[in-house]
Amino acid sequence: MRFALLAFAALLACDTPTPPAAAGVELIEAPAGTSDIAALVRATAQQLGVRHRRLVVYVGATWCEPCQQIHAAIAGHRLDTVFPDLSLLVFDADRDATALEKAGYVSDLIPLFALPDADGRSSARREFGGRKDIDNVPLLTDKLHRLLD
């Protein structure tokens, strides 16, 4: 009898539905001082996979005008319907420069959006750069579409 109850409990656990993905773009701030970015990216990708969310590594800077604009658009929920299942793992190009380089997340231009490989390092699929003195949200939205399609 006890075996039957354990088997039934195990069966129920297997049939437990995965929680639905939260709608809208989610910013996940990487902790300061992260030395192994690839490991953090792998762990984050695993957690997001359970929630059925797509992960993009985002490298920006507080002084970057296009970065400020995309942050404001995300905070204002302007991209939630465009990217309902997108999670951006956010790194600071200045603060995290050495660790980002070790994991292959480097670019001459920011913002950088990159898809990670299974090992957590940057894949060749990446989009980067913005422009000064324009509304960068449409430009960066197009770059994210190219990256994710």
N, C-alpha and C. Protein backbone atom coordinates (compact mmCIF):
# COMPACT_ATOMS: atom_id res chain seq x y z
N MET A 1 0.83 -1.19 0.00
CA MET A 1 0.00 0.00 0.00
C MET A 1 0.87 1.25 0.00
N ARG A 2 1.90 1.23 0.85
CA ARG A 2 2.79 2.39 0.92
C ARG A 2 3.46 2.63 -0.43
N PHE A 3 3.88 1.59 -1.13
CA PHE A 3 4.50 1.71 -2.45
C PHE A 3 3.53 2.34 -3.44
N ALA A 4 2.26 1.93 -3.38
CA ALA A 4 1.26 2.48 -4.29
C ALA A 4 1.07 3.97 -4.05
N LEU A 5 1.07 4.40 -2.79
CA LEU A 5 0.93 5.82 -2.49
C LEU A 5 2.15 6.62 -2.98
N LEU A 6 3.33 6.06 -2.81
CA LEU A 6 4.53 6.74 -3.29
C LEU A 6 4.53 6.83 -4.81
N ALA A 7 4.13 5.76 -5.47
CA ALA A 7 4.06 5.78 -6.93
C ALA A 7 3.04 6.80 -7.41
N PHE A 8 1.88 6.88 -6.74
CA PHE A 8 0.86 7.85 -7.11
C PHE A 8 1.37 9.28 -6.89
N ALA A 9 2.07 9.54 -5.80
CA ALA A 9 2.63 10.86 -5.54
C ALA A 9 3.67 11.23 -6.60
N ALA A 10 4.48 10.27 -7.00
CA ALA A 10 5.48 10.53 -8.04
C ALA A 10 4.81 10.83 -9.37
N LEU A 11 3.73 10.12 -9.68
CA LEU A 11 2.99 10.36 -10.91
C LEU A 11 2.38 11.76 -10.90
N LEU A 12 1.82 12.16 -9.77
CA LEU A 12 1.25 13.51 -9.67
C LEU A 12 2.33 14.58 -9.85
N ALA A 13 3.50 14.34 -9.29
CA ALA A 13 4.59 15.31 -9.41
C ALA A 13 5.00 15.48 -10.87
N CYS A 14 4.97 14.41 -11.64
CA CYS A 14 5.33 14.48 -13.05
C CYS A 14 4.28 15.23 -13.85
N ASP A 15 3.04 15.18 -13.42
CA ASP A 15 1.97 15.84 -14.15
C ASP A 15 1.72 17.27 -13.68
N THR A 16 2.51 17.74 -12.74
CA THR A 16 2.33 19.10 -12.24
C THR A 16 2.68 20.07 -13.36
N PRO A 17 1.75 20.93 -13.73
CA PRO A 17 2.04 21.85 -14.84
C PRO A 17 3.12 22.84 -14.47
N THR A 18 3.89 23.23 -15.49
CA THR A 18 4.90 24.24 -15.31
C THR A 18 4.22 25.60 -15.20
N PRO A 19 4.65 26.45 -14.29
CA PRO A 19 4.01 27.76 -14.17
C PRO A 19 4.12 28.53 -15.48
N PRO A 20 3.08 29.27 -15.84
CA PRO A 20 3.14 30.02 -17.09
C PRO A 20 4.18 31.13 -17.02
N ALA A 21 4.69 31.49 -18.19
CA ALA A 21 5.66 32.57 -18.24
C ALA A 21 4.98 33.90 -17.95
N ALA A 22 5.67 34.72 -17.20
CA ALA A 22 5.15 36.06 -16.96
C ALA A 22 5.19 36.83 -18.28
N ALA A 23 4.16 37.59 -18.55
CA ALA A 23 4.09 38.32 -19.80
C ALA A 23 4.96 39.56 -19.73
N GLY A 24 5.71 39.79 -20.76
CA GLY A 24 6.48 41.01 -20.88
C GLY A 24 7.97 40.81 -20.71
N VAL A 25 8.69 41.85 -21.07
CA VAL A 25 10.15 41.83 -20.98
C VAL A 25 10.56 41.91 -19.51
N GLU A 26 11.49 41.06 -19.16
CA GLU A 26 12.00 40.99 -17.79
C GLU A 26 13.49 41.33 -17.81
N LEU A 27 13.89 42.28 -16.97
CA LEU A 27 15.31 42.60 -16.80
C LEU A 27 15.82 41.89 -15.56
N ILE A 28 16.89 41.12 -15.72
CA ILE A 28 17.53 40.43 -14.61
C ILE A 28 18.92 41.03 -14.46
N GLU A 29 19.11 41.81 -13.41
CA GLU A 29 20.40 42.46 -13.17
C GLU A 29 21.42 41.44 -12.66
N ALA A 30 22.52 41.31 -13.37
CA ALA A 30 23.60 40.42 -12.92
C ALA A 30 24.23 41.01 -11.67
N PRO A 31 24.53 40.17 -10.69
CA PRO A 31 25.16 40.69 -9.47
C PRO A 31 26.54 41.28 -9.75
N ALA A 32 26.85 42.38 -9.10
CA ALA A 32 28.18 42.97 -9.22
C ALA A 32 29.22 41.97 -8.75
N GLY A 33 30.36 41.95 -9.41
CA GLY A 33 31.44 41.07 -9.00
C GLY A 33 31.32 39.65 -9.52
N THR A 34 30.40 39.41 -10.45
CA THR A 34 30.28 38.07 -11.02
C THR A 34 31.56 37.77 -11.81
N SER A 35 32.27 36.74 -11.40
CA SER A 35 33.53 36.42 -12.07
C SER A 35 33.35 35.34 -13.15
N ASP A 36 32.37 34.46 -12.98
CA ASP A 36 32.13 33.40 -13.96
C ASP A 36 30.78 33.65 -14.64
N ILE A 37 30.83 34.49 -15.64
CA ILE A 37 29.60 34.88 -16.33
C ILE A 37 28.98 33.69 -17.05
N ALA A 38 29.78 32.84 -17.64
CA ALA A 38 29.23 31.68 -18.35
C ALA A 38 28.41 30.80 -17.40
N ALA A 39 28.89 30.59 -16.18
CA ALA A 39 28.14 29.78 -15.20
C ALA A 39 26.83 30.47 -14.83
N LEU A 40 26.88 31.78 -14.63
CA LEU A 40 25.66 32.53 -14.31
C LEU A 40 24.65 32.44 -15.46
N VAL A 41 25.13 32.57 -16.68
CA VAL A 41 24.25 32.49 -17.85
C VAL A 41 23.62 31.09 -17.96
N ARG A 42 24.42 30.04 -17.75
CA ARG A 42 23.89 28.67 -17.79
C ARG A 42 22.80 28.49 -16.74
N ALA A 43 23.05 28.91 -15.52
CA ALA A 43 22.08 28.76 -14.44
C ALA A 43 20.81 29.56 -14.72
N THR A 44 20.97 30.76 -15.23
CA THR A 44 19.82 31.60 -15.55
C THR A 44 19.01 30.98 -16.69
N ALA A 45 19.68 30.47 -17.70
CA ALA A 45 19.00 29.83 -18.83
C ALA A 45 18.19 28.63 -18.36
N GLN A 46 18.74 27.87 -17.45
CA GLN A 46 18.03 26.70 -16.92
C GLN A 46 16.78 27.13 -16.16
N GLN A 47 16.89 28.14 -15.33
CA GLN A 47 15.72 28.64 -14.57
C GLN A 47 14.66 29.20 -15.51
N LEU A 48 15.08 29.93 -16.52
CA LEU A 48 14.13 30.54 -17.45
C LEU A 48 13.46 29.50 -18.34
N GLY A 49 14.19 28.44 -18.66
CA GLY A 49 13.61 27.38 -19.49
C GLY A 49 12.40 26.74 -18.83
N VAL A 50 12.46 26.58 -17.53
CA VAL A 50 11.33 26.03 -16.77
C VAL A 50 10.12 26.96 -16.90
N ARG A 51 10.38 28.25 -16.99
CA ARG A 51 9.31 29.24 -17.10
C ARG A 51 8.94 29.56 -18.54
N HIS A 52 9.56 28.86 -19.50
CA HIS A 52 9.29 29.05 -20.93
C HIS A 52 9.59 30.48 -21.39
N ARG A 53 10.72 30.99 -20.95
CA ARG A 53 11.14 32.34 -21.35
C ARG A 53 12.42 32.24 -22.16
N ARG A 54 12.60 33.19 -23.06
CA ARG A 54 13.81 33.25 -23.89
C ARG A 54 14.83 34.17 -23.22
N LEU A 55 16.09 33.76 -23.26
CA LEU A 55 17.17 34.51 -22.62
C LEU A 55 18.04 35.18 -23.67
N VAL A 56 18.30 36.46 -23.44
CA VAL A 56 19.28 37.21 -24.21
C VAL A 56 20.19 37.90 -23.20
N VAL A 57 21.49 37.82 -23.43
CA VAL A 57 22.44 38.53 -22.60
C VAL A 57 22.54 39.95 -23.15
N TYR A 58 22.41 40.91 -22.24
CA TYR A 58 22.40 42.32 -22.61
C TYR A 58 23.53 43.04 -21.89
N VAL A 59 24.41 43.66 -22.65
CA VAL A 59 25.53 44.41 -22.09
C VAL A 59 25.31 45.88 -22.44
N GLY A 60 25.23 46.69 -21.41
CA GLY A 60 25.01 48.13 -21.60
C GLY A 60 25.85 48.92 -20.62
N ALA A 61 25.51 50.19 -20.47
CA ALA A 61 26.21 51.06 -19.52
C ALA A 61 25.26 52.18 -19.12
N THR A 62 25.47 52.70 -17.91
CA THR A 62 24.58 53.74 -17.41
C THR A 62 24.68 55.02 -18.23
N TRP A 63 25.83 55.28 -18.83
CA TRP A 63 26.05 56.50 -19.61
C TRP A 63 25.58 56.37 -21.06
N CYS A 64 25.19 55.19 -21.48
CA CYS A 64 24.83 54.90 -22.88
C CYS A 64 23.40 55.38 -23.17
N GLU A 65 23.26 56.35 -24.06
CA GLU A 65 21.95 56.91 -24.39
C GLU A 65 20.98 55.85 -24.95
N PRO A 66 21.39 55.02 -25.92
CA PRO A 66 20.47 53.98 -26.39
C PRO A 66 20.07 53.00 -25.28
N CYS A 67 21.01 52.70 -24.37
CA CYS A 67 20.70 51.81 -23.24
C CYS A 67 19.66 52.45 -22.33
N GLN A 68 19.80 53.73 -22.05
CA GLN A 68 18.84 54.44 -21.22
C GLN A 68 17.45 54.41 -21.85
N GLN A 69 17.40 54.56 -23.17
CA GLN A 69 16.11 54.57 -23.87
C GLN A 69 15.43 53.20 -23.83
N ILE A 70 16.20 52.14 -24.04
CA ILE A 70 15.58 50.81 -24.03
C ILE A 70 15.15 50.44 -22.62
N HIS A 71 15.93 50.84 -21.61
CA HIS A 71 15.53 50.61 -20.22
C HIS A 71 14.21 51.30 -19.91
N ALA A 72 14.08 52.56 -20.35
CA ALA A 72 12.84 53.31 -20.10
C ALA A 72 11.66 52.66 -20.81
N ALA A 73 11.87 52.17 -22.02
CA ALA A 73 10.79 51.50 -22.76
C ALA A 73 10.36 50.22 -22.06
N ILE A 74 11.32 49.48 -21.53
CA ILE A 74 11.00 48.23 -20.82
C ILE A 74 10.29 48.56 -19.51
N ALA A 75 10.81 49.53 -18.77
CA ALA A 75 10.18 49.92 -17.49
C ALA A 75 8.76 50.44 -17.72
N GLY A 76 8.52 51.08 -18.86
CA GLY A 76 7.20 51.59 -19.20
C GLY A 76 6.30 50.55 -19.86
N HIS A 77 6.77 49.32 -19.93
CA HIS A 77 6.02 48.19 -20.49
C HIS A 77 5.65 48.39 -21.96
N ARG A 78 6.46 49.19 -22.69
CA ARG A 78 6.18 49.45 -24.10
C ARG A 78 6.53 48.26 -24.99
N LEU A 79 7.33 47.32 -24.50
CA LEU A 79 7.75 46.18 -25.33
C LEU A 79 7.14 44.86 -24.87
N ASP A 80 6.27 44.90 -23.88
CA ASP A 80 5.71 43.67 -23.31
C ASP A 80 4.92 42.85 -24.33
N THR A 81 4.17 43.49 -25.20
CA THR A 81 3.40 42.72 -26.19
C THR A 81 4.28 42.28 -27.35
N VAL A 82 5.35 43.02 -27.60
CA VAL A 82 6.27 42.68 -28.69
C VAL A 82 7.12 41.46 -28.32
N PHE A 83 7.58 41.42 -27.07
CA PHE A 83 8.43 40.34 -26.57
C PHE A 83 7.84 39.79 -25.26
N PRO A 84 6.74 39.06 -25.33
CA PRO A 84 6.06 38.65 -24.10
C PRO A 84 6.81 37.63 -23.25
N ASP A 85 7.82 36.97 -23.82
CA ASP A 85 8.53 35.93 -23.07
C ASP A 85 10.04 36.16 -23.04
N LEU A 86 10.46 37.41 -23.14
CA LEU A 86 11.88 37.74 -23.21
C LEU A 86 12.43 38.14 -21.85
N SER A 87 13.55 37.53 -21.49
CA SER A 87 14.30 37.91 -20.29
C SER A 87 15.68 38.36 -20.72
N LEU A 88 16.08 39.54 -20.25
CA LEU A 88 17.40 40.08 -20.55
C LEU A 88 18.25 39.99 -19.29
N LEU A 89 19.36 39.25 -19.38
CA LEU A 89 20.32 39.18 -18.29
C LEU A 89 21.29 40.35 -18.50
N VAL A 90 21.23 41.34 -17.61
CA VAL A 90 21.88 42.64 -17.80
C VAL A 90 23.25 42.69 -17.12
N PHE A 91 24.25 43.07 -17.92
CA PHE A 91 25.60 43.30 -17.42
C PHE A 91 26.02 44.73 -17.74
N ASP A 92 26.88 45.28 -16.91
CA ASP A 92 27.43 46.61 -17.13
C ASP A 92 28.77 46.48 -17.84
N ALA A 93 28.91 47.12 -18.99
CA ALA A 93 30.12 47.00 -19.80
C ALA A 93 31.36 47.47 -19.06
N ASP A 94 31.22 48.47 -18.21
CA ASP A 94 32.37 48.98 -17.47
C ASP A 94 32.69 48.11 -16.25
N ARG A 95 31.71 47.85 -15.45
CA ARG A 95 31.89 47.10 -14.20
C ARG A 95 32.32 45.66 -14.46
N ASP A 96 31.76 45.03 -15.49
CA ASP A 96 31.96 43.60 -15.72
C ASP A 96 32.90 43.29 -16.90
N ALA A 97 33.68 44.27 -17.34
CA ALA A 97 34.47 44.15 -18.57
C ALA A 97 35.35 42.89 -18.63
N THR A 98 36.10 42.63 -17.58
CA THR A 98 37.04 41.50 -17.60
C THR A 98 36.30 40.17 -17.68
N ALA A 99 35.27 40.00 -16.86
CA ALA A 99 34.51 38.75 -16.87
C ALA A 99 33.74 38.58 -18.17
N LEU A 100 33.21 39.67 -18.72
CA LEU A 100 32.50 39.61 -20.00
C LEU A 100 33.44 39.14 -21.11
N GLU A 101 34.66 39.65 -21.10
CA GLU A 101 35.64 39.25 -22.12
C GLU A 101 35.94 37.75 -22.02
N LYS A 102 36.10 37.23 -20.82
CA LYS A 102 36.37 35.80 -20.63
C LYS A 102 35.25 34.93 -21.20
N ALA A 103 34.01 35.43 -21.13
CA ALA A 103 32.87 34.65 -21.61
C ALA A 103 32.51 34.98 -23.05
N GLY A 104 33.26 35.87 -23.69
CA GLY A 104 33.03 36.18 -25.10
C GLY A 104 31.97 37.23 -25.37
N TYR A 105 31.51 37.92 -24.34
CA TYR A 105 30.49 38.96 -24.50
C TYR A 105 31.15 40.33 -24.62
N VAL A 106 31.89 40.53 -25.69
CA VAL A 106 32.54 41.81 -25.92
C VAL A 106 32.12 42.36 -27.27
N SER A 107 32.12 43.67 -27.35
CA SER A 107 31.76 44.36 -28.58
C SER A 107 32.36 45.75 -28.52
N ASP A 108 32.67 46.30 -29.67
CA ASP A 108 33.14 47.68 -29.72
C ASP A 108 32.01 48.65 -29.47
N LEU A 109 30.78 48.21 -29.68
CA LEU A 109 29.61 49.07 -29.52
C LEU A 109 28.64 48.47 -28.51
N ILE A 110 27.95 49.34 -27.77
CA ILE A 110 26.87 48.91 -26.89
C ILE A 110 25.64 49.70 -27.26
N PRO A 111 24.49 49.20 -26.95
CA PRO A 111 24.24 47.95 -26.24
C PRO A 111 24.57 46.74 -27.10
N LEU A 112 24.89 45.66 -26.42
CA LEU A 112 25.12 44.37 -27.06
C LEU A 112 24.02 43.43 -26.60
N PHE A 113 23.36 42.78 -27.55
CA PHE A 113 22.40 41.72 -27.27
C PHE A 113 22.99 40.45 -27.87
N ALA A 114 23.14 39.41 -27.07
CA ALA A 114 23.76 38.17 -27.56
C ALA A 114 23.00 36.96 -27.05
N LEU A 115 22.87 35.98 -27.94
CA LEU A 115 22.31 34.69 -27.53
C LEU A 115 23.45 33.84 -26.99
N PRO A 116 23.24 33.22 -25.84
CA PRO A 116 24.30 32.37 -25.29
C PRO A 116 24.30 30.99 -25.93
N ASP A 117 25.47 30.38 -25.96
CA ASP A 117 25.59 28.96 -26.34
C ASP A 117 25.19 28.13 -25.13
N ALA A 118 25.11 26.82 -25.33
CA ALA A 118 24.75 25.91 -24.24
C ALA A 118 25.74 25.99 -23.08
N ASP A 119 27.00 26.36 -23.37
CA ASP A 119 28.01 26.45 -22.31
C ASP A 119 27.97 27.79 -21.56
N GLY A 120 27.05 28.68 -21.96
CA GLY A 120 26.91 29.97 -21.29
C GLY A 120 27.75 31.08 -21.88
N ARG A 121 28.61 30.71 -22.83
CA ARG A 121 29.42 31.72 -23.49
C ARG A 121 28.62 32.34 -24.65
N SER A 122 29.10 33.46 -25.15
CA SER A 122 28.42 34.15 -26.24
C SER A 122 28.48 33.33 -27.51
N SER A 123 27.34 33.25 -28.19
CA SER A 123 27.32 32.63 -29.50
C SER A 123 27.66 33.70 -30.54
N ALA A 124 27.70 33.31 -31.79
CA ALA A 124 27.94 34.26 -32.88
C ALA A 124 26.69 35.07 -33.18
N ARG A 125 25.55 34.66 -32.62
CA ARG A 125 24.30 35.39 -32.85
C ARG A 125 24.24 36.56 -31.88
N ARG A 126 24.46 37.76 -32.43
CA ARG A 126 24.51 38.96 -31.61
C ARG A 126 24.12 40.16 -32.46
N GLU A 127 23.62 41.16 -31.78
CA GLU A 127 23.29 42.45 -32.38
C GLU A 127 23.82 43.51 -31.44
N PHE A 128 24.33 44.61 -31.99
CA PHE A 128 24.91 45.62 -31.12
C PHE A 128 24.80 47.01 -31.73
N GLY A 129 24.95 47.99 -30.87
CA GLY A 129 25.02 49.39 -31.26
C GLY A 129 23.70 50.10 -31.33
N GLY A 130 23.77 51.38 -31.11
CA GLY A 130 22.65 52.29 -31.23
C GLY A 130 23.18 53.58 -31.82
N ARG A 131 22.35 54.61 -31.82
CA ARG A 131 22.77 55.90 -32.36
C ARG A 131 22.44 57.01 -31.38
N LYS A 132 23.20 58.04 -31.42
CA LYS A 132 22.93 59.20 -30.56
C LYS A 132 21.86 60.08 -31.20
N ASP A 133 21.13 60.75 -30.35
CA ASP A 133 20.19 61.78 -30.77
C ASP A 133 19.02 61.27 -31.62
N ILE A 134 18.64 60.00 -31.45
CA ILE A 134 17.44 59.48 -32.09
C ILE A 134 16.68 58.65 -31.06
N ASP A 135 15.45 58.28 -31.41
CA ASP A 135 14.71 57.32 -30.58
C ASP A 135 15.23 55.95 -30.96
N ASN A 136 16.00 55.33 -30.10
CA ASN A 136 16.62 54.04 -30.37
C ASN A 136 15.70 52.85 -30.15
N VAL A 137 14.54 53.05 -29.56
CA VAL A 137 13.68 51.92 -29.25
C VAL A 137 13.29 51.15 -30.52
N PRO A 138 12.83 51.80 -31.59
CA PRO A 138 12.53 51.02 -32.81
C PRO A 138 13.76 50.31 -33.38
N LEU A 139 14.91 50.99 -33.37
CA LEU A 139 16.14 50.39 -33.87
C LEU A 139 16.53 49.15 -33.06
N LEU A 140 16.51 49.27 -31.74
CA LEU A 140 16.89 48.15 -30.89
C LEU A 140 15.84 47.04 -30.91
N THR A 141 14.58 47.40 -31.06
CA THR A 141 13.53 46.39 -31.20
C THR A 141 13.75 45.57 -32.46
N ASP A 142 14.11 46.24 -33.57
CA ASP A 142 14.42 45.51 -34.80
C ASP A 142 15.62 44.58 -34.62
N LYS A 143 16.61 45.04 -33.90
CA LYS A 143 17.80 44.20 -33.65
C LYS A 143 17.42 42.96 -32.82
N LEU A 144 16.57 43.15 -31.83
CA LEU A 144 16.13 42.00 -31.04
C LEU A 144 15.31 41.03 -31.87
N HIS A 145 14.47 41.56 -32.75
CA HIS A 145 13.69 40.67 -33.65
C HIS A 145 14.62 39.85 -34.52
N ARG A 146 15.64 40.49 -35.13
CA ARG A 146 16.59 39.75 -35.96
C ARG A 146 17.29 38.66 -35.17
N LEU A 147 17.64 39.00 -33.96
CA LEU A 147 18.36 38.05 -33.11
C LEU A 147 17.49 36.85 -32.74
N LEU A 148 16.24 37.10 -32.44
CA LEU A 148 15.36 36.06 -31.93
C LEU A 148 14.63 35.26 -33.01
N ASP A 149 14.59 35.78 -34.22
CA ASP A 149 13.89 35.06 -35.30
C ASP A 149 14.73 33.97 -35.89
